Amino acid sequence: MNSVQHDVAGKKFLILQDGREAHLVYREIGSHVWDLYHTFVPTNFRGKGIASQLAEAALKAARAETKKIIPNCSFVQTYLKRHPEYSDLVILE
């Protein structure tokens, strides 16, 4: 599986595999907040931990860039329940 890329201009974290894209998209709210609002993994790549890789990459990048996050994506919400070490990044709208 390919590694996660951060497409800053497209505001998404993505993995390209066999010409297909899995992604976690966000919008910037001000200069210090990312609203992580949608994760998509193509059907034939599901069940391989790709969504978790995307969420982890987004959360690590948010921490590195001193961003806070709003987890509007249901997958990101589930990921955060399993990984409370990222709870310090979460703010509410």
PDB file of N, CA and C in Angstrom:
ATOM      1  N   MET A   1       0.857  -1.184   0.000  1.00  0.00           N
ATOM      2  CA  MET A   1       0.000   0.000   0.000  1.00  0.00           C
ATOM      3  C   MET A   1       0.894   1.236   0.000  1.00  0.00           C
ATOM      4  N   ASN A   2       0.503   2.226  -0.738  1.00  0.00           N
ATOM      5  CA  ASN A   2       1.268   3.464  -0.818  1.00  0.00           C
ATOM      6  C   ASN A   2       1.117   4.276   0.460  1.00  0.00           C
ATOM      7  N   SER A   3       2.054   5.202   0.668  1.00  0.00           N
ATOM      8  CA  SER A   3       2.020   6.019   1.873  1.00  0.00           C
ATOM      9  C   SER A   3       1.037   7.182   1.724  1.00  0.00           C
ATOM     10  N   VAL A   4       0.687   7.749   2.856  1.00  0.00           N
ATOM     11  CA  VAL A   4      -0.259   8.864   2.883  1.00  0.00           C
ATOM     12  C   VAL A   4       0.453  10.137   2.419  1.00  0.00           C
ATOM     13  N   GLN A   5      -0.217  10.874   1.555  1.00  0.00           N
ATOM     14  CA  GLN A   5       0.269  12.168   1.087  1.00  0.00           C
ATOM     15  C   GLN A   5      -0.663  13.255   1.617  1.00  0.00           C
ATOM     16  N   HIS A   6      -0.099  14.424   1.884  1.00  0.00           N
ATOM     17  CA  HIS A   6      -0.910  15.568   2.287  1.00  0.00           C
ATOM     18  C   HIS A   6      -0.959  16.538   1.112  1.00  0.00           C
ATOM     19  N   ASP A   7      -2.116  16.651   0.502  1.00  0.00           N
ATOM     20  CA  ASP A   7      -2.344  17.595  -0.589  1.00  0.00           C
ATOM     21  C   ASP A   7      -2.858  18.884   0.045  1.00  0.00           C
ATOM     22  N   VAL A   8      -1.939  19.794   0.335  1.00  0.00           N
ATOM     23  CA  VAL A   8      -2.291  21.033   1.034  1.00  0.00           C
ATOM     24  C   VAL A   8      -3.257  21.869   0.200  1.00  0.00           C
ATOM     25  N   ALA A   9      -2.995  21.998  -1.095  1.00  0.00           N
ATOM     26  CA  ALA A   9      -3.864  22.799  -1.958  1.00  0.00           C
ATOM     27  C   ALA A   9      -5.265  22.196  -2.042  1.00  0.00           C
ATOM     28  N   GLY A  10      -5.351  20.872  -2.086  1.00  0.00           N
ATOM     29  CA  GLY A  10      -6.643  20.193  -2.168  1.00  0.00           C
ATOM     30  C   GLY A  10      -7.295  19.954  -0.820  1.00  0.00           C
ATOM     31  N   LYS A  11      -6.584  20.304   0.251  1.00  0.00           N
ATOM     32  CA  LYS A  11      -7.067  20.140   1.621  1.00  0.00           C
ATOM     33  C   LYS A  11      -7.538  18.710   1.881  1.00  0.00           C
ATOM     34  N   LYS A  12      -6.598  17.765   1.641  1.00  0.00           N
ATOM     35  CA  LYS A  12      -6.920  16.367   1.894  1.00  0.00           C
ATOM     36  C   LYS A  12      -5.660  15.556   2.129  1.00  0.00           C
ATOM     37  N   PHE A  13      -5.849  14.470   2.842  1.00  0.00           N
ATOM     38  CA  PHE A  13      -4.837  13.450   3.016  1.00  0.00           C
ATOM     39  C   PHE A  13      -5.279  12.308   2.114  1.00  0.00           C
ATOM     40  N   LEU A  14      -4.344  11.705   1.370  1.00  0.00           N
ATOM     41  CA  LEU A  14      -4.765  10.709   0.399  1.00  0.00           C
ATOM     42  C   LEU A  14      -3.756   9.584   0.250  1.00  0.00           C
ATOM     43  N   ILE A  15      -4.270   8.466  -0.209  1.00  0.00           N
ATOM     44  CA  ILE A  15      -3.468   7.318  -0.598  1.00  0.00           C
ATOM     45  C   ILE A  15      -3.928   6.943  -2.003  1.00  0.00           C
ATOM     46  N   LEU A  16      -2.983   6.882  -2.937  1.00  0.00           N
ATOM     47  CA  LEU A  16      -3.283   6.447  -4.299  1.00  0.00           C
ATOM     48  C   LEU A  16      -2.841   5.001  -4.445  1.00  0.00           C
ATOM     49  N   GLN A  17      -3.738   4.158  -4.954  1.00  0.00           N
ATOM     50  CA  GLN A  17      -3.434   2.739  -5.147  1.00  0.00           C
ATOM     51  C   GLN A  17      -4.158   2.260  -6.394  1.00  0.00           C
ATOM     52  N   ASP A  18      -3.436   1.718  -7.333  1.00  0.00           N
ATOM     53  CA  ASP A  18      -4.023   1.188  -8.571  1.00  0.00           C
ATOM     54  C   ASP A  18      -4.930   2.203  -9.262  1.00  0.00           C
ATOM     55  N   GLY A  19      -4.505   3.464  -9.277  1.00  0.00           N
ATOM     56  CA  GLY A  19      -5.270   4.503  -9.944  1.00  0.00           C
ATOM     57  C   GLY A  19      -6.500   4.979  -9.200  1.00  0.00           C
ATOM     58  N   ARG A  20      -6.705   4.498  -7.990  1.00  0.00           N
ATOM     59  CA  ARG A  20      -7.866   4.900  -7.178  1.00  0.00           C
ATOM     60  C   ARG A  20      -7.365   5.695  -5.982  1.00  0.00           C
ATOM     61  N   GLU A  21      -8.220   6.567  -5.483  1.00  0.00           N
ATOM     62  CA  GLU A  21      -7.834   7.429  -4.367  1.00  0.00           C
ATOM     63  C   GLU A  21      -8.712   7.195  -3.151  1.00  0.00           C
ATOM     64  N   ALA A  22      -8.072   6.989  -2.011  1.00  0.00           N
ATOM     65  CA  ALA A  22      -8.733   7.030  -0.705  1.00  0.00           C
ATOM     66  C   ALA A  22      -8.334   8.361  -0.099  1.00  0.00           C
ATOM     67  N   HIS A  23      -9.265   9.031   0.580  1.00  0.00           N
ATOM     68  CA  HIS A  23      -8.919  10.356   1.101  1.00  0.00           C
ATOM     69  C   HIS A  23      -9.692  10.718   2.366  1.00  0.00           C
ATOM     70  N   LEU A  24      -9.102  11.649   3.092  1.00  0.00           N
ATOM     71  CA  LEU A  24      -9.752  12.312   4.228  1.00  0.00           C
ATOM     72  C   LEU A  24      -9.655  13.796   3.917  1.00  0.00           C
ATOM     73  N   VAL A  25     -10.787  14.444   3.770  1.00  0.00           N
ATOM     74  CA  VAL A  25     -10.796  15.856   3.393  1.00  0.00           C
ATOM     75  C   VAL A  25     -11.137  16.741   4.597  1.00  0.00           C
ATOM     76  N   TYR A  26     -10.651  17.953   4.526  1.00  0.00           N
ATOM     77  CA  TYR A  26     -10.875  18.908   5.616  1.00  0.00           C
ATOM     78  C   TYR A  26     -11.062  20.301   5.061  1.00  0.00           C
ATOM     79  N   ARG A  27     -11.606  21.171   5.887  1.00  0.00           N
ATOM     80  CA  ARG A  27     -11.651  22.598   5.555  1.00  0.00           C
ATOM     81  C   ARG A  27     -10.940  23.336   6.680  1.00  0.00           C
ATOM     82  N   GLU A  28     -10.337  24.418   6.317  1.00  0.00           N
ATOM     83  CA  GLU A  28      -9.653  25.238   7.304  1.00  0.00           C
ATOM     84  C   GLU A  28     -10.633  26.262   7.858  1.00  0.00           C
ATOM     85  N   ILE A  29     -10.627  26.388   9.158  1.00  0.00           N
ATOM     86  CA  ILE A  29     -11.448  27.388   9.835  1.00  0.00           C
ATOM     87  C   ILE A  29     -10.459  28.319  10.538  1.00  0.00           C
ATOM     88  N   GLY A  30     -10.304  29.489   9.991  1.00  0.00           N
ATOM     89  CA  GLY A  30      -9.264  30.377  10.495  1.00  0.00           C
ATOM     90  C   GLY A  30      -7.906  29.782  10.150  1.00  0.00           C
ATOM     91  N   SER A  31      -6.911  30.150  10.909  1.00  0.00           N
ATOM     92  CA  SER A  31      -5.564  29.656  10.621  1.00  0.00           C
ATOM     93  C   SER A  31      -5.119  28.534  11.546  1.00  0.00           C
ATOM     94  N   HIS A  32      -5.967  28.167  12.523  1.00  0.00           N
ATOM     95  CA  HIS A  32      -5.522  27.177  13.506  1.00  0.00           C
ATOM     96  C   HIS A  32      -6.449  25.980  13.685  1.00  0.00           C
ATOM     97  N   VAL A  33      -7.467  25.840  12.828  1.00  0.00           N
ATOM     98  CA  VAL A  33      -8.429  24.745  13.008  1.00  0.00           C
ATOM     99  C   VAL A  33      -8.685  24.047  11.678  1.00  0.00           C
ATOM    100  N   TRP A  34      -8.683  22.708  11.733  1.00  0.00           N
ATOM    101  CA  TRP A  34      -9.091  21.886  10.597  1.00  0.00           C
ATOM    102  C   TRP A  34     -10.389  21.181  10.960  1.00  0.00           C
ATOM    103  N   ASP A  35     -11.369  21.290  10.101  1.00  0.00           N
ATOM    104  CA  ASP A  35     -12.610  20.525  10.226  1.00  0.00           C
ATOM    105  C   ASP A  35     -12.432  19.273   9.366  1.00  0.00           C
ATOM    106  N   LEU A  36     -12.197  18.130  10.016  1.00  0.00           N
ATOM    107  CA  LEU A  36     -12.045  16.861   9.307  1.00  0.00           C
ATOM    108  C   LEU A  36     -13.454  16.328   9.074  1.00  0.00           C
ATOM    109  N   TYR A  37     -13.941  16.427   7.837  1.00  0.00           N
ATOM    110  CA  TYR A  37     -15.368  16.189   7.633  1.00  0.00           C
ATOM    111  C   TYR A  37     -15.744  15.002   6.752  1.00  0.00           C
ATOM    112  N   HIS A  38     -14.789  14.377   6.051  1.00  0.00           N
ATOM    113  CA  HIS A  38     -15.202  13.243   5.212  1.00  0.00           C
ATOM    114  C   HIS A  38     -14.024  12.324   4.906  1.00  0.00           C
ATOM    115  N   THR A  39     -14.245  11.031   5.094  1.00  0.00           N
ATOM    116  CA  THR A  39     -13.259  10.017   4.725  1.00  0.00           C
ATOM    117  C   THR A  39     -13.902   9.091   3.699  1.00  0.00           C
ATOM    118  N   PHE A  40     -13.152   8.750   2.658  1.00  0.00           N
ATOM    119  CA  PHE A  40     -13.642   7.825   1.634  1.00  0.00           C
ATOM    120  C   PHE A  40     -12.544   6.830   1.286  1.00  0.00           C
ATOM    121  N   VAL A  41     -12.922   5.551   1.262  1.00  0.00           N
ATOM    122  CA  VAL A  41     -12.026   4.482   0.818  1.00  0.00           C
ATOM    123  C   VAL A  41     -12.787   3.673  -0.231  1.00  0.00           C
ATOM    124  N   PRO A  42     -12.205   3.493  -1.438  1.00  0.00           N
ATOM    125  CA  PRO A  42     -12.888   2.693  -2.458  1.00  0.00           C
ATOM    126  C   PRO A  42     -13.223   1.289  -1.926  1.00  0.00           C
ATOM    127  N   THR A  43     -14.326   0.761  -2.390  1.00  0.00           N
ATOM    128  CA  THR A  43     -14.840  -0.519  -1.891  1.00  0.00           C
ATOM    129  C   THR A  43     -13.785  -1.623  -1.872  1.00  0.00           C
ATOM    130  N   ASN A  44     -13.028  -1.768  -2.941  1.00  0.00           N
ATOM    131  CA  ASN A  44     -12.068  -2.868  -3.007  1.00  0.00           C
ATOM    132  C   ASN A  44     -10.858  -2.695  -2.096  1.00  0.00           C
ATOM    133  N   PHE A  45     -10.715  -1.552  -1.438  1.00  0.00           N
ATOM    134  CA  PHE A  45      -9.611  -1.335  -0.499  1.00  0.00           C
ATOM    135  C   PHE A  45     -10.070  -1.310   0.957  1.00  0.00           C
ATOM    136  N   ARG A  46     -11.352  -1.484   1.189  1.00  0.00           N
ATOM    137  CA  ARG A  46     -11.873  -1.419   2.561  1.00  0.00           C
ATOM    138  C   ARG A  46     -11.429  -2.631   3.370  1.00  0.00           C
ATOM    139  N   GLY A  47     -11.378  -2.440   4.683  1.00  0.00           N
ATOM    140  CA  GLY A  47     -10.993  -3.516   5.576  1.00  0.00           C
ATOM    141  C   GLY A  47      -9.493  -3.730   5.672  1.00  0.00           C
ATOM    142  N   LYS A  48      -8.716  -2.795   5.167  1.00  0.00           N
ATOM    143  CA  LYS A  48      -7.255  -2.923   5.167  1.00  0.00           C
ATOM    144  C   LYS A  48      -6.581  -1.862   6.030  1.00  0.00           C
ATOM    145  N   GLY A  49      -7.368  -1.120   6.794  1.00  0.00           N
ATOM    146  CA  GLY A  49      -6.800  -0.111   7.677  1.00  0.00           C
ATOM    147  C   GLY A  49      -6.447   1.203   7.006  1.00  0.00           C
ATOM    148  N   ILE A  50      -6.907   1.398   5.789  1.00  0.00           N
ATOM    149  CA  ILE A  50      -6.550   2.617   5.059  1.00  0.00           C
ATOM    150  C   ILE A  50      -7.153   3.860   5.701  1.00  0.00           C
ATOM    151  N   ALA A  51      -8.406   3.789   6.109  1.00  0.00           N
ATOM    152  CA  ALA A  51      -9.034   4.945   6.759  1.00  0.00           C
ATOM    153  C   ALA A  51      -8.289   5.307   8.037  1.00  0.00           C
ATOM    154  N   SER A  52      -7.837   4.301   8.772  1.00  0.00           N
ATOM    155  CA  SER A  52      -7.063   4.568   9.991  1.00  0.00           C
ATOM    156  C   SER A  52      -5.738   5.247   9.665  1.00  0.00           C
ATOM    157  N   GLN A  53      -5.096   4.821   8.588  1.00  0.00           N
ATOM    158  CA  GLN A  53      -3.843   5.465   8.173  1.00  0.00           C
ATOM    159  C   GLN A  53      -4.074   6.933   7.834  1.00  0.00           C
ATOM    160  N   LEU A  54      -5.170   7.208   7.152  1.00  0.00           N
ATOM    161  CA  LEU A  54      -5.496   8.592   6.795  1.00  0.00           C
ATOM    162  C   LEU A  54      -5.762   9.426   8.044  1.00  0.00           C
ATOM    163  N   ALA A  55      -6.559   8.882   8.969  1.00  0.00           N
ATOM    164  CA  ALA A  55      -6.873   9.613  10.194  1.00  0.00           C
ATOM    165  C   ALA A  55      -5.612   9.873  11.009  1.00  0.00           C
ATOM    166  N   GLU A  56      -4.780   8.857  11.151  1.00  0.00           N
ATOM    167  CA  GLU A  56      -3.546   9.024  11.915  1.00  0.00           C
ATOM    168  C   GLU A  56      -2.652  10.089  11.284  1.00  0.00           C
ATOM    169  N   ALA A  57      -2.514  10.062   9.968  1.00  0.00           N
ATOM    170  CA  ALA A  57      -1.681  11.054   9.281  1.00  0.00           C
ATOM    171  C   ALA A  57      -2.228  12.460   9.487  1.00  0.00           C
ATOM    172  N   ALA A  58      -3.549  12.615   9.400  1.00  0.00           N
ATOM    173  CA  ALA A  58      -4.159  13.936   9.584  1.00  0.00           C
ATOM    174  C   ALA A  58      -3.946  14.435  11.010  1.00  0.00           C
ATOM    175  N   LEU A  59      -4.116  13.563  11.975  1.00  0.00           N
ATOM    176  CA  LEU A  59      -3.962  13.978  13.375  1.00  0.00           C
ATOM    177  C   LEU A  59      -2.503  14.287  13.707  1.00  0.00           C
ATOM    178  N   LYS A  60      -1.578  13.497  13.181  1.00  0.00           N
ATOM    179  CA  LYS A  60      -0.154  13.783  13.399  1.00  0.00           C
ATOM    180  C   LYS A  60       0.236  15.114  12.742  1.00  0.00           C
ATOM    181  N   ALA A  61      -0.289  15.364  11.545  1.00  0.00           N
ATOM    182  CA  ALA A  61       0.004  16.633  10.867  1.00  0.00           C
ATOM    183  C   ALA A  61      -0.591  17.803  11.631  1.00  0.00           C
ATOM    184  N   ALA A  62      -1.815  17.636  12.142  1.00  0.00           N
ATOM    185  CA  ALA A  62      -2.441  18.697  12.933  1.00  0.00           C
ATOM    186  C   ALA A  62      -1.582  19.018  14.143  1.00  0.00           C
ATOM    187  N   ARG A  63      -1.111  17.992  14.823  1.00  0.00           N
ATOM    188  CA  ARG A  63      -0.261  18.221  15.999  1.00  0.00           C
ATOM    189  C   ARG A  63       1.034  18.917  15.590  1.00  0.00           C
ATOM    190  N   ALA A  64       1.663  18.469  14.530  1.00  0.00           N
ATOM    191  CA  ALA A  64       2.933  19.045  14.084  1.00  0.00           C
ATOM    192  C   ALA A  64       2.780  20.504  13.683  1.00  0.00           C
ATOM    193  N   GLU A  65       1.612  20.847  13.142  1.00  0.00           N
ATOM    194  CA  GLU A  65       1.365  22.214  12.686  1.00  0.00           C
ATOM    195  C   GLU A  65       0.605  23.045  13.719  1.00  0.00           C
ATOM    196  N   THR A  66       0.511  22.534  14.938  1.00  0.00           N
ATOM    197  CA  THR A  66      -0.201  23.173  16.064  1.00  0.00           C
ATOM    198  C   THR A  66      -1.622  23.592  15.692  1.00  0.00           C
ATOM    199  N   LYS A  67      -2.318  22.694  15.001  1.00  0.00           N
ATOM    200  CA  LYS A  67      -3.723  22.910  14.646  1.00  0.00           C
ATOM    201  C   LYS A  67      -4.608  22.204  15.665  1.00  0.00           C
ATOM    202  N   LYS A  68      -5.819  22.663  15.785  1.00  0.00           N
ATOM    203  CA  LYS A  68      -6.874  21.957  16.505  1.00  0.00           C
ATOM    204  C   LYS A  68      -7.782  21.354  15.449  1.00  0.00           C
ATOM    205  N   ILE A  69      -8.581  20.376  15.841  1.00  0.00           N
ATOM    206  CA  ILE A  69      -9.465  19.750  14.868  1.00  0.00           C
ATOM    207  C   ILE A  69     -10.906  19.712  15.365  1.00  0.00           C
ATOM    208  N   ILE A  70     -11.814  19.718  14.393  1.00  0.00           N
ATOM    209  CA  ILE A  70     -13.234  19.460  14.637  1.00  0.00           C
ATOM    210  C   ILE A  70     -13.522  18.150  13.907  1.00  0.00           C
ATOM    211  N   PRO A  71     -13.844  17.082  14.641  1.00  0.00           N
ATOM    212  CA  PRO A  71     -14.045  15.778  14.008  1.00  0.00           C
ATOM    213  C   PRO A  71     -15.479  15.574  13.516  1.00  0.00           C
ATOM    214  N   ASN A  72     -15.860  16.212  12.428  1.00  0.00           N
ATOM    215  CA  ASN A  72     -17.205  16.040  11.882  1.00  0.00           C
ATOM    216  C   ASN A  72     -17.381  14.728  11.132  1.00  0.00           C
ATOM    217  N   CYS A  73     -16.314  14.113  10.700  1.00  0.00           N
ATOM    218  CA  CYS A  73     -16.379  12.819  10.021  1.00  0.00           C
ATOM    219  C   CYS A  73     -16.619  11.719  11.060  1.00  0.00           C
ATOM    220  N   SER A  74     -17.602  10.861  10.799  1.00  0.00           N
ATOM    221  CA  SER A  74     -17.924   9.801  11.762  1.00  0.00           C
ATOM    222  C   SER A  74     -16.764   8.824  11.945  1.00  0.00           C
ATOM    223  N   PHE A  75     -15.995   8.565  10.888  1.00  0.00           N
ATOM    224  CA  PHE A  75     -14.849   7.673  11.060  1.00  0.00           C
ATOM    225  C   PHE A  75     -13.803   8.305  11.971  1.00  0.00           C
ATOM    226  N   VAL A  76     -13.534   9.580  11.798  1.00  0.00           N
ATOM    227  CA  VAL A  76     -12.558  10.262  12.655  1.00  0.00           C
ATOM    228  C   VAL A  76     -13.041  10.242  14.108  1.00  0.00           C
ATOM    229  N   GLN A  77     -14.332  10.413  14.329  1.00  0.00           N
ATOM    230  CA  GLN A  77     -14.885  10.331  15.691  1.00  0.00           C
ATOM    231  C   GLN A  77     -14.607   8.959  16.291  1.00  0.00           C
ATOM    232  N   THR A  78     -14.834   7.906  15.533  1.00  0.00           N
ATOM    233  CA  THR A  78     -14.569   6.546  16.003  1.00  0.00           C
ATOM    234  C   THR A  78     -13.083   6.344  16.256  1.00  0.00           C
ATOM    235  N   TYR A  79     -12.246   6.831  15.368  1.00  0.00           N
ATOM    236  CA  TYR A  79     -10.799   6.708  15.521  1.00  0.00           C
ATOM    237  C   TYR A  79     -10.334   7.381  16.812  1.00  0.00           C
ATOM    238  N   LEU A  80     -10.879   8.552  17.091  1.00  0.00           N
ATOM    239  CA  LEU A  80     -10.493   9.278  18.306  1.00  0.00           C
ATOM    240  C   LEU A  80     -10.903   8.524  19.571  1.00  0.00           C
ATOM    241  N   LYS A  81     -12.018   7.815  19.537  1.00  0.00           N
ATOM    242  CA  LYS A  81     -12.422   7.008  20.698  1.00  0.00           C
ATOM    243  C   LYS A  81     -11.416   5.897  20.961  1.00  0.00           C
ATOM    244  N   ARG A  82     -10.841   5.357  19.902  1.00  0.00           N
ATOM    245  CA  ARG A  82      -9.847   4.282  20.022  1.00  0.00           C
ATOM    246  C   ARG A  82      -8.449   4.813  20.329  1.00  0.00           C
ATOM    247  N   HIS A  83      -8.232   6.093  20.080  1.00  0.00           N
ATOM    248  CA  HIS A  83      -6.900   6.700  20.235  1.00  0.00           C
ATOM    249  C   HIS A  83      -7.018   8.003  21.031  1.00  0.00           C
ATOM    250  N   PRO A  84      -7.269   7.892  22.329  1.00  0.00           N
ATOM    251  CA  PRO A  84      -7.461   9.090  23.157  1.00  0.00           C
ATOM    252  C   PRO A  84      -6.219   9.972  23.266  1.00  0.00           C
ATOM    253  N   GLU A  85      -5.086   9.480  22.806  1.00  0.00           N
ATOM    254  CA  GLU A  85      -3.866  10.315  22.853  1.00  0.00           C
ATOM    255  C   GLU A  85      -3.973  11.545  21.956  1.00  0.00           C
ATOM    256  N   TYR A  86      -4.985  11.583  21.087  1.00  0.00           N
ATOM    257  CA  TYR A  86      -5.195  12.737  20.225  1.00  0.00           C
ATOM    258  C   TYR A  86      -6.322  13.649  20.724  1.00  0.00           C
ATOM    259  N   SER A  87      -6.893  13.339  21.861  1.00  0.00           N
ATOM    260  CA  SER A  87      -8.061  14.104  22.342  1.00  0.00           C
ATOM    261  C   SER A  87      -7.729  15.570  22.631  1.00  0.00           C
ATOM    262  N   ASP A  88      -6.471  15.877  22.890  1.00  0.00           N
ATOM    263  CA  ASP A  88      -6.088  17.261  23.152  1.00  0.00           C
ATOM    264  C   ASP A  88      -6.219  18.151  21.906  1.00  0.00           C
ATOM    265  N   LEU A  89      -6.340  17.545  20.741  1.00  0.00           N
ATOM    266  CA  LEU A  89      -6.475  18.309  19.507  1.00  0.00           C
ATOM    267  C   LEU A  89      -7.902  18.744  19.225  1.00  0.00           C
ATOM    268  N   VAL A  90      -8.864  18.115  19.892  1.00  0.00           N
ATOM    269  CA  VAL A  90     -10.281  18.303  19.559  1.00  0.00           C
ATOM    270  C   VAL A  90     -10.851  19.555  20.202  1.00  0.00           C
ATOM    271  N   ILE A  91     -11.566  20.334  19.382  1.00  0.00           N
ATOM    272  CA  ILE A  91     -12.369  21.442  19.890  1.00  0.00           C
ATOM    273  C   ILE A  91     -13.775  21.270  19.331  1.00  0.00           C
ATOM    274  N   LEU A  92     -14.713  21.914  19.927  1.00  0.00           N
ATOM    275  CA  LEU A  92     -16.087  21.894  19.426  1.00  0.00           C
ATOM    276  C   LEU A  92     -16.330  23.165  18.647  1.00  0.00           C
ATOM    277  N   GLU A  93     -17.251  23.105  17.698  1.00  0.00           N
ATOM    278  CA  GLU A  93     -17.563  24.285  16.887  1.00  0.00           C
ATOM    279  C   GLU A  93     -18.144  25.373  17.740  1.00  0.00           C
TER     280      GLU A  93
END
